[in-house]
């Protein structure tokens, strides 16, 4: 079985949203859960509008959008790339909620890879406004000019592979290649370690074939990490 490793070019466009609109629409101050009084929330949401592909229609989220939302949320939580305690302002009283909307403009395959990379790159650019909270008066004051960068401890990277004709494995497949595939799997690498493998059925892989995919995913993970850090100036 051959492994074709040819990845598409990645590029990033940051800070296209006005800070005030960003605060109003994507950051929210709420009370924490009773069982986790010092933890904030991160709420990813993947949207696949008709704009990105004729296979999607207006209305409720498609099954694919819901699956991607669940996968992204699971990867972020399991990787602990963001400590939810860092989103706490006043234990038991006030925490941040990060609403992370990922809107696909052109569905051309490997959506999990694109969504996860876009989310982590965006999180690396976030700085939270300073908030002063008076518990006695239940009053909060937000200072938009004084901000604290969000700490991201690691960058989990997903790499998707498509199995074609039960014989060829293609990295970073296009939508057309995924539609012809007899199986698709996504490998998530955290640092230099395997974090998770998502394979919803299809053609099985031999142990050696899976190891080759994991090795390729580790190489790409390092490249994506370096690109994100360079893009955000870190």
C-alpha atoms as a PDB file:
ATOM      1  CA  UNK A   1       0.000   0.000   0.000  1.00  0.00           C
ATOM      2  CA  UNK A   2       1.469   3.373  -1.055  1.00  0.00           C
ATOM      3  CA  UNK A   3       1.344   6.568   0.996  1.00  0.00           C
ATOM      4  CA  UNK A   4       1.030   9.822  -0.940  1.00  0.00           C
ATOM      5  CA  UNK A   5       2.137  12.802   1.155  1.00  0.00           C
ATOM      6  CA  UNK A   6       1.348  16.071  -0.587  1.00  0.00           C
ATOM      7  CA  UNK A   7      -0.167  18.783   1.580  1.00  0.00           C
ATOM      8  CA  UNK A   8      -1.946  21.942   0.532  1.00  0.00           C
ATOM      9  CA  UNK A   9      -0.527  25.331   1.468  1.00  0.00           C
ATOM     10  CA  UNK A  10      -1.664  26.816   4.790  1.00  0.00           C
ATOM     11  CA  UNK A  11      -2.085  30.551   5.336  1.00  0.00           C
ATOM     12  CA  UNK A  12      -3.616  32.639   8.134  1.00  0.00           C
ATOM     13  CA  UNK A  13      -5.490  35.955   8.233  1.00  0.00           C
ATOM     14  CA  UNK A  14      -5.777  37.378  11.738  1.00  0.00           C
ATOM     15  CA  UNK A  15      -7.597  40.285  13.418  1.00  0.00           C
ATOM     16  CA  UNK A  16     -10.291  40.885  10.840  1.00  0.00           C
ATOM     17  CA  UNK A  17     -12.941  41.421  13.555  1.00  0.00           C
ATOM     18  CA  UNK A  18     -13.245  44.696  15.451  1.00  0.00           C
ATOM     19  CA  UNK A  19     -12.324  44.179  19.157  1.00  0.00           C
ATOM     20  CA  UNK A  20     -15.629  45.543  20.504  1.00  0.00           C
ATOM     21  CA  UNK A  21     -17.689  43.323  18.195  1.00  0.00           C
ATOM     22  CA  UNK A  22     -15.398  40.431  19.109  1.00  0.00           C
ATOM     23  CA  UNK A  23     -16.071  40.984  22.808  1.00  0.00           C
ATOM     24  CA  UNK A  24     -19.811  41.304  22.353  1.00  0.00           C
ATOM     25  CA  UNK A  25     -20.304  38.298  20.065  1.00  0.00           C
ATOM     26  CA  UNK A  26     -17.619  35.801  21.035  1.00  0.00           C
ATOM     27  CA  UNK A  27     -16.753  36.424  24.696  1.00  0.00           C
ATOM     28  CA  UNK A  28     -19.285  36.107  27.459  1.00  0.00           C
ATOM     29  CA  UNK A  29     -19.200  36.427  31.242  1.00  0.00           C
ATOM     30  CA  UNK A  30     -21.284  33.851  33.118  1.00  0.00           C
ATOM     31  CA  UNK A  31     -21.471  31.966  36.396  1.00  0.00           C
ATOM     32  CA  UNK A  32     -19.463  28.693  36.457  1.00  0.00           C
ATOM     33  CA  UNK A  33     -20.856  25.214  36.978  1.00  0.00           C
ATOM     34  CA  UNK A  34     -21.489  24.350  40.623  1.00  0.00           C
ATOM     35  CA  UNK A  35     -19.299  21.250  40.358  1.00  0.00           C
ATOM     36  CA  UNK A  36     -16.473  23.198  38.651  1.00  0.00           C
ATOM     37  CA  UNK A  37     -16.509  26.620  40.355  1.00  0.00           C
ATOM     38  CA  UNK A  38     -13.090  27.672  39.009  1.00  0.00           C
ATOM     39  CA  UNK A  39     -13.467  26.577  35.369  1.00  0.00           C
ATOM     40  CA  UNK A  40     -14.621  28.621  32.424  1.00  0.00           C
ATOM     41  CA  UNK A  41     -16.012  27.318  29.143  1.00  0.00           C
ATOM     42  CA  UNK A  42     -14.902  26.932  25.544  1.00  0.00           C
ATOM     43  CA  UNK A  43     -17.730  26.279  23.070  1.00  0.00           C
ATOM     44  CA  UNK A  44     -16.637  25.320  19.546  1.00  0.00           C
ATOM     45  CA  UNK A  45     -19.212  25.293  16.772  1.00  0.00           C
ATOM     46  CA  UNK A  46     -18.665  24.232  13.157  1.00  0.00           C
ATOM     47  CA  UNK A  47     -21.011  25.659  10.511  1.00  0.00           C
ATOM     48  CA  UNK A  48     -21.231  24.226   6.989  1.00  0.00           C
ATOM     49  CA  UNK A  49     -23.400  26.666   5.018  1.00  0.00           C
ATOM     50  CA  UNK A  50     -24.677  26.090   1.456  1.00  0.00           C
ATOM     51  CA  UNK A  51     -21.957  28.526   0.370  1.00  0.00           C
ATOM     52  CA  UNK A  52     -19.241  25.939   1.003  1.00  0.00           C
ATOM     53  CA  UNK A  53     -20.796  23.036  -0.907  1.00  0.00           C
ATOM     54  CA  UNK A  54     -24.010  22.237  -2.815  1.00  0.00           C
ATOM     55  CA  UNK A  55     -24.434  19.144  -0.628  1.00  0.00           C
ATOM     56  CA  UNK A  56     -25.542  21.357   2.298  1.00  0.00           C
ATOM     57  CA  UNK A  57     -28.894  23.105   2.654  1.00  0.00           C
ATOM     58  CA  UNK A  58     -30.134  25.996   4.815  1.00  0.00           C
ATOM     59  CA  UNK A  59     -31.621  24.960   8.135  1.00  0.00           C
ATOM     60  CA  UNK A  60     -30.449  22.970  11.163  1.00  0.00           C
ATOM     61  CA  UNK A  61     -26.783  21.855  11.338  1.00  0.00           C
ATOM     62  CA  UNK A  62     -26.000  18.867   9.145  1.00  0.00           C
ATOM     63  CA  UNK A  63     -24.849  15.552  10.612  1.00  0.00           C
ATOM     64  CA  UNK A  64     -21.318  16.294   9.423  1.00  0.00           C
ATOM     65  CA  UNK A  65     -21.301  19.717  11.086  1.00  0.00           C
ATOM     66  CA  UNK A  66     -22.475  18.202  14.365  1.00  0.00           C
ATOM     67  CA  UNK A  67     -19.848  15.452  14.166  1.00  0.00           C
ATOM     68  CA  UNK A  68     -17.087  17.958  13.489  1.00  0.00           C
ATOM     69  CA  UNK A  69     -18.251  20.166  16.362  1.00  0.00           C
ATOM     70  CA  UNK A  70     -18.169  17.190  18.720  1.00  0.00           C
ATOM     71  CA  UNK A  71     -14.738  16.052  17.493  1.00  0.00           C
ATOM     72  CA  UNK A  72     -13.166  19.493  17.800  1.00  0.00           C
ATOM     73  CA  UNK A  73     -14.587  19.986  21.295  1.00  0.00           C
ATOM     74  CA  UNK A  74     -13.389  16.532  22.357  1.00  0.00           C
ATOM     75  CA  UNK A  75      -9.871  17.093  21.001  1.00  0.00           C
ATOM     76  CA  UNK A  76      -9.548  20.477  22.691  1.00  0.00           C
ATOM     77  CA  UNK A  77     -10.740  19.157  26.046  1.00  0.00           C
ATOM     78  CA  UNK A  78      -8.676  15.957  25.977  1.00  0.00           C
ATOM     79  CA  UNK A  79      -5.494  17.729  24.874  1.00  0.00           C
ATOM     80  CA  UNK A  80      -5.794  20.291  27.693  1.00  0.00           C
ATOM     81  CA  UNK A  81      -4.263  22.818  25.330  1.00  0.00           C
ATOM     82  CA  UNK A  82      -6.231  25.443  27.246  1.00  0.00           C
ATOM     83  CA  UNK A  83      -6.663  25.300  31.014  1.00  0.00           C
ATOM     84  CA  UNK A  84     -10.265  26.198  31.748  1.00  0.00           C
ATOM     85  CA  UNK A  85      -9.114  27.537  35.119  1.00  0.00           C
ATOM     86  CA  UNK A  86      -7.386  30.350  33.207  1.00  0.00           C
ATOM     87  CA  UNK A  87     -10.852  31.556  32.223  1.00  0.00           C
ATOM     88  CA  UNK A  88     -11.902  32.058  35.843  1.00  0.00           C
ATOM     89  CA  UNK A  89     -12.315  35.603  37.143  1.00  0.00           C
ATOM     90  CA  UNK A  90     -13.963  34.998  40.516  1.00  0.00           C
ATOM     91  CA  UNK A  91     -14.413  31.385  41.718  1.00  0.00           C
ATOM     92  CA  UNK A  92     -18.059  30.416  42.103  1.00  0.00           C
ATOM     93  CA  UNK A  93     -19.140  33.759  40.651  1.00  0.00           C
ATOM     94  CA  UNK A  94     -17.724  34.702  37.263  1.00  0.00           C
ATOM     95  CA  UNK A  95     -15.883  33.004  34.392  1.00  0.00           C
ATOM     96  CA  UNK A  96     -15.291  33.579  30.688  1.00  0.00           C
ATOM     97  CA  UNK A  97     -17.056  31.667  27.927  1.00  0.00           C
ATOM     98  CA  UNK A  98     -15.201  31.504  24.601  1.00  0.00           C
ATOM     99  CA  UNK A  99     -17.626  31.007  21.717  1.00  0.00           C
ATOM    100  CA  UNK A 100     -15.530  29.683  18.828  1.00  0.00           C
ATOM    101  CA  UNK A 101     -17.434  29.681  15.543  1.00  0.00           C
ATOM    102  CA  UNK A 102     -15.759  28.007  12.569  1.00  0.00           C
ATOM    103  CA  UNK A 103     -17.557  28.749   9.311  1.00  0.00           C
ATOM    104  CA  UNK A 104     -16.469  26.761   6.265  1.00  0.00           C
ATOM    105  CA  UNK A 105     -16.311  28.839   3.091  1.00  0.00           C
ATOM    106  CA  UNK A 106     -15.146  26.097   0.711  1.00  0.00           C
ATOM    107  CA  UNK A 107     -15.519  22.404   1.556  1.00  0.00           C
ATOM    108  CA  UNK A 108     -12.626  20.693  -0.203  1.00  0.00           C
ATOM    109  CA  UNK A 109     -11.858  17.830   2.156  1.00  0.00           C
ATOM    110  CA  UNK A 110      -9.985  17.309   5.443  1.00  0.00           C
ATOM    111  CA  UNK A 111     -12.426  19.560   7.306  1.00  0.00           C
ATOM    112  CA  UNK A 112     -11.336  18.378  10.755  1.00  0.00           C
ATOM    113  CA  UNK A 113      -7.749  19.373   9.970  1.00  0.00           C
ATOM    114  CA  UNK A 114      -8.817  22.822   8.824  1.00  0.00           C
ATOM    115  CA  UNK A 115     -11.217  23.456  11.720  1.00  0.00           C
ATOM    116  CA  UNK A 116      -8.769  22.383  14.426  1.00  0.00           C
ATOM    117  CA  UNK A 117      -5.873  24.343  12.908  1.00  0.00           C
ATOM    118  CA  UNK A 118      -8.009  27.476  12.493  1.00  0.00           C
ATOM    119  CA  UNK A 119      -9.289  27.228  16.066  1.00  0.00           C
ATOM    120  CA  UNK A 120      -5.862  26.799  17.671  1.00  0.00           C
ATOM    121  CA  UNK A 121      -4.354  29.561  15.545  1.00  0.00           C
ATOM    122  CA  UNK A 122      -7.181  31.891  16.588  1.00  0.00           C
ATOM    123  CA  UNK A 123      -6.825  30.987  20.271  1.00  0.00           C
ATOM    124  CA  UNK A 124      -3.121  31.847  20.086  1.00  0.00           C
ATOM    125  CA  UNK A 125      -4.067  35.442  19.182  1.00  0.00           C
ATOM    126  CA  UNK A 126      -6.660  36.011  21.924  1.00  0.00           C
ATOM    127  CA  UNK A 127      -6.117  38.403  24.800  1.00  0.00           C
ATOM    128  CA  UNK A 128      -8.852  38.697  27.402  1.00  0.00           C
ATOM    129  CA  UNK A 129      -9.955  42.063  28.802  1.00  0.00           C
ATOM    130  CA  UNK A 130      -9.258  42.640  32.470  1.00  0.00           C
ATOM    131  CA  UNK A 131     -12.344  42.220  34.631  1.00  0.00           C
ATOM    132  CA  UNK A 132     -12.820  43.481  38.172  1.00  0.00           C
ATOM    133  CA  UNK A 133     -15.597  41.799  40.138  1.00  0.00           C
ATOM    134  CA  UNK A 134     -17.228  42.987  43.350  1.00  0.00           C
ATOM    135  CA  UNK A 135     -18.896  39.970  44.951  1.00  0.00           C
ATOM    136  CA  UNK A 136     -20.720  42.040  47.569  1.00  0.00           C
ATOM    137  CA  UNK A 137     -22.461  44.147  44.950  1.00  0.00           C
ATOM    138  CA  UNK A 138     -22.381  41.497  42.226  1.00  0.00           C
ATOM    139  CA  UNK A 139     -20.854  44.125  39.969  1.00  0.00           C
ATOM    140  CA  UNK A 140     -18.292  43.602  37.214  1.00  0.00           C
ATOM    141  CA  UNK A 141     -16.170  46.164  35.384  1.00  0.00           C
ATOM    142  CA  UNK A 142     -14.546  45.294  32.049  1.00  0.00           C
ATOM    143  CA  UNK A 143     -11.411  47.131  30.935  1.00  0.00           C
ATOM    144  CA  UNK A 144     -10.972  46.671  27.172  1.00  0.00           C
ATOM    145  CA  UNK A 145      -7.636  48.493  27.131  1.00  0.00           C
ATOM    146  CA  UNK A 146      -5.923  46.282  29.689  1.00  0.00           C
ATOM    147  CA  UNK A 147      -5.725  42.725  28.400  1.00  0.00           C
ATOM    148  CA  UNK A 148      -4.130  39.412  29.320  1.00  0.00           C
ATOM    149  CA  UNK A 149      -2.964  36.968  26.608  1.00  0.00           C
ATOM    150  CA  UNK A 150      -4.652  33.587  26.642  1.00  0.00           C
ATOM    151  CA  UNK A 151      -2.169  30.822  27.468  1.00  0.00           C
ATOM    152  CA  UNK A 152      -2.173  27.893  25.018  1.00  0.00           C
ATOM    153  CA  UNK A 153      -0.016  25.060  26.371  1.00  0.00           C
ATOM    154  CA  UNK A 154       0.125  22.965  23.194  1.00  0.00           C
ATOM    155  CA  UNK A 155      -1.268  22.799  19.676  1.00  0.00           C
ATOM    156  CA  UNK A 156      -3.001  19.522  18.765  1.00  0.00           C
ATOM    157  CA  UNK A 157      -2.870  18.969  15.000  1.00  0.00           C
ATOM    158  CA  UNK A 158      -5.160  16.665  13.012  1.00  0.00           C
ATOM    159  CA  UNK A 159      -4.059  15.037   9.757  1.00  0.00           C
ATOM    160  CA  UNK A 160      -6.617  13.217   7.617  1.00  0.00           C
ATOM    161  CA  UNK A 161      -5.856  10.322   5.280  1.00  0.00           C
ATOM    162  CA  UNK A 162      -8.063   8.749   2.602  1.00  0.00           C
ATOM    163  CA  UNK A 163      -7.761   5.120   1.494  1.00  0.00           C
ATOM    164  CA  UNK A 164      -8.292   4.787  -2.261  1.00  0.00           C
ATOM    165  CA  UNK A 165      -9.011   1.410  -3.913  1.00  0.00           C
ATOM    166  CA  UNK A 166      -7.909  -0.334  -0.711  1.00  0.00           C
ATOM    167  CA  UNK A 167      -4.334   0.201  -1.872  1.00  0.00           C
ATOM    168  CA  UNK A 168      -3.310   3.865  -1.779  1.00  0.00           C
ATOM    169  CA  UNK A 169      -3.358   6.195   1.235  1.00  0.00           C
ATOM    170  CA  UNK A 170      -3.545   9.921   0.460  1.00  0.00           C
ATOM    171  CA  UNK A 171      -2.708  12.556   3.052  1.00  0.00           C
ATOM    172  CA  UNK A 172      -4.778  15.772   3.191  1.00  0.00           C
ATOM    173  CA  UNK A 173      -7.400  14.465   0.715  1.00  0.00           C
ATOM    174  CA  UNK A 174      -9.674  16.765  -1.260  1.00  0.00           C
ATOM    175  CA  UNK A 175     -13.449  16.445  -1.114  1.00  0.00           C
ATOM    176  CA  UNK A 176     -13.416  14.483  -4.378  1.00  0.00           C
ATOM    177  CA  UNK A 177     -10.763  12.101  -3.050  1.00  0.00           C
ATOM    178  CA  UNK A 178     -12.734  11.579   0.173  1.00  0.00           C
ATOM    179  CA  UNK A 179     -15.880  10.784  -1.843  1.00  0.00           C
ATOM    180  CA  UNK A 180     -13.980   8.076  -3.759  1.00  0.00           C
ATOM    181  CA  UNK A 181     -12.282   6.674  -0.649  1.00  0.00           C
ATOM    182  CA  UNK A 182     -13.086   3.283   0.830  1.00  0.00           C
ATOM    183  CA  UNK A 183     -12.060   4.627   4.227  1.00  0.00           C
ATOM    184  CA  UNK A 184     -10.957   7.840   5.940  1.00  0.00           C
ATOM    185  CA  UNK A 185      -9.025   8.294   9.167  1.00  0.00           C
ATOM    186  CA  UNK A 186      -7.834  11.352  11.091  1.00  0.00           C
ATOM    187  CA  UNK A 187      -4.814  11.232  13.383  1.00  0.00           C
ATOM    188  CA  UNK A 188      -4.328  13.875  16.087  1.00  0.00           C
ATOM    189  CA  UNK A 189      -0.806  14.596  17.289  1.00  0.00           C
ATOM    190  CA  UNK A 190      -0.070  16.598  20.430  1.00  0.00           C
ATOM    191  CA  UNK A 191       3.544  17.702  20.581  1.00  0.00           C
ATOM    192  CA  UNK A 192       5.392  14.581  19.429  1.00  0.00           C
ATOM    193  CA  UNK A 193       2.870  12.160  20.921  1.00  0.00           C
ATOM    194  CA  UNK A 194      -0.163  10.415  19.448  1.00  0.00           C
ATOM    195  CA  UNK A 195      -3.297  11.913  20.973  1.00  0.00           C
ATOM    196  CA  UNK A 196      -6.146  10.135  19.175  1.00  0.00           C
ATOM    197  CA  UNK A 197      -7.228   8.333  16.006  1.00  0.00           C
ATOM    198  CA  UNK A 198     -10.676   8.814  14.483  1.00  0.00           C
ATOM    199  CA  UNK A 199     -11.715   6.223  11.882  1.00  0.00           C
ATOM    200  CA  UNK A 200     -15.456   5.879  11.275  1.00  0.00           C
ATOM    201  CA  UNK A 201     -15.466   2.458   9.614  1.00  0.00           C
ATOM    202  CA  UNK A 202     -14.320   1.701   6.083  1.00  0.00           C
ATOM    203  CA  UNK A 203     -11.285  -0.239   4.901  1.00  0.00           C
ATOM    204  CA  UNK A 204      -9.107  -1.430   7.806  1.00  0.00           C
ATOM    205  CA  UNK A 205      -5.380  -0.676   7.958  1.00  0.00           C
ATOM    206  CA  UNK A 206      -2.577  -3.033   8.839  1.00  0.00           C
ATOM    207  CA  UNK A 207      -0.446  -2.117  11.854  1.00  0.00           C
ATOM    208  CA  UNK A 208       2.484  -1.098   9.639  1.00  0.00           C
ATOM    209  CA  UNK A 209       0.237   1.072   7.478  1.00  0.00           C
ATOM    210  CA  UNK A 210      -1.209   2.798  10.522  1.00  0.00           C
ATOM    211  CA  UNK A 211       2.277   3.424  11.913  1.00  0.00           C
ATOM    212  CA  UNK A 212       3.309   5.005   8.598  1.00  0.00           C
ATOM    213  CA  UNK A 213       0.316   7.334   8.807  1.00  0.00           C
ATOM    214  CA  UNK A 214       1.167   8.225  12.412  1.00  0.00           C
ATOM    215  CA  UNK A 215       4.758   9.026  11.437  1.00  0.00           C
ATOM    216  CA  UNK A 216       3.548  11.230   8.585  1.00  0.00           C
ATOM    217  CA  UNK A 217       1.076  12.968  10.935  1.00  0.00           C
ATOM    218  CA  UNK A 218       3.881  13.691  13.427  1.00  0.00           C
ATOM    219  CA  UNK A 219       5.979  15.331  10.704  1.00  0.00           C
ATOM    220  CA  UNK A 220       3.064  17.476   9.569  1.00  0.00           C
ATOM    221  CA  UNK A 221       2.191  18.377  13.170  1.00  0.00           C
ATOM    222  CA  UNK A 222       5.605  19.916  13.677  1.00  0.00           C
ATOM    223  CA  UNK A 223       5.294  21.890  10.446  1.00  0.00           C
ATOM    224  CA  UNK A 224       1.836  23.207  11.399  1.00  0.00           C
ATOM    225  CA  UNK A 225       3.034  24.117  14.904  1.00  0.00           C
ATOM    226  CA  UNK A 226       5.958  26.082  13.469  1.00  0.00           C
ATOM    227  CA  UNK A 227       3.708  27.824  10.946  1.00  0.00           C
ATOM    228  CA  UNK A 228       1.168  28.890  13.569  1.00  0.00           C
ATOM    229  CA  UNK A 229       3.860  30.194  15.925  1.00  0.00           C
ATOM    230  CA  UNK A 230       5.493  32.113  13.072  1.00  0.00           C
ATOM    231  CA  UNK A 231       2.138  33.553  11.968  1.00  0.00           C
ATOM    232  CA  UNK A 232       1.295  34.859  15.438  1.00  0.00           C
ATOM    233  CA  UNK A 233       4.850  36.077  16.061  1.00  0.00           C
ATOM    234  CA  UNK A 234       5.860  33.605  18.760  1.00  0.00           C
END
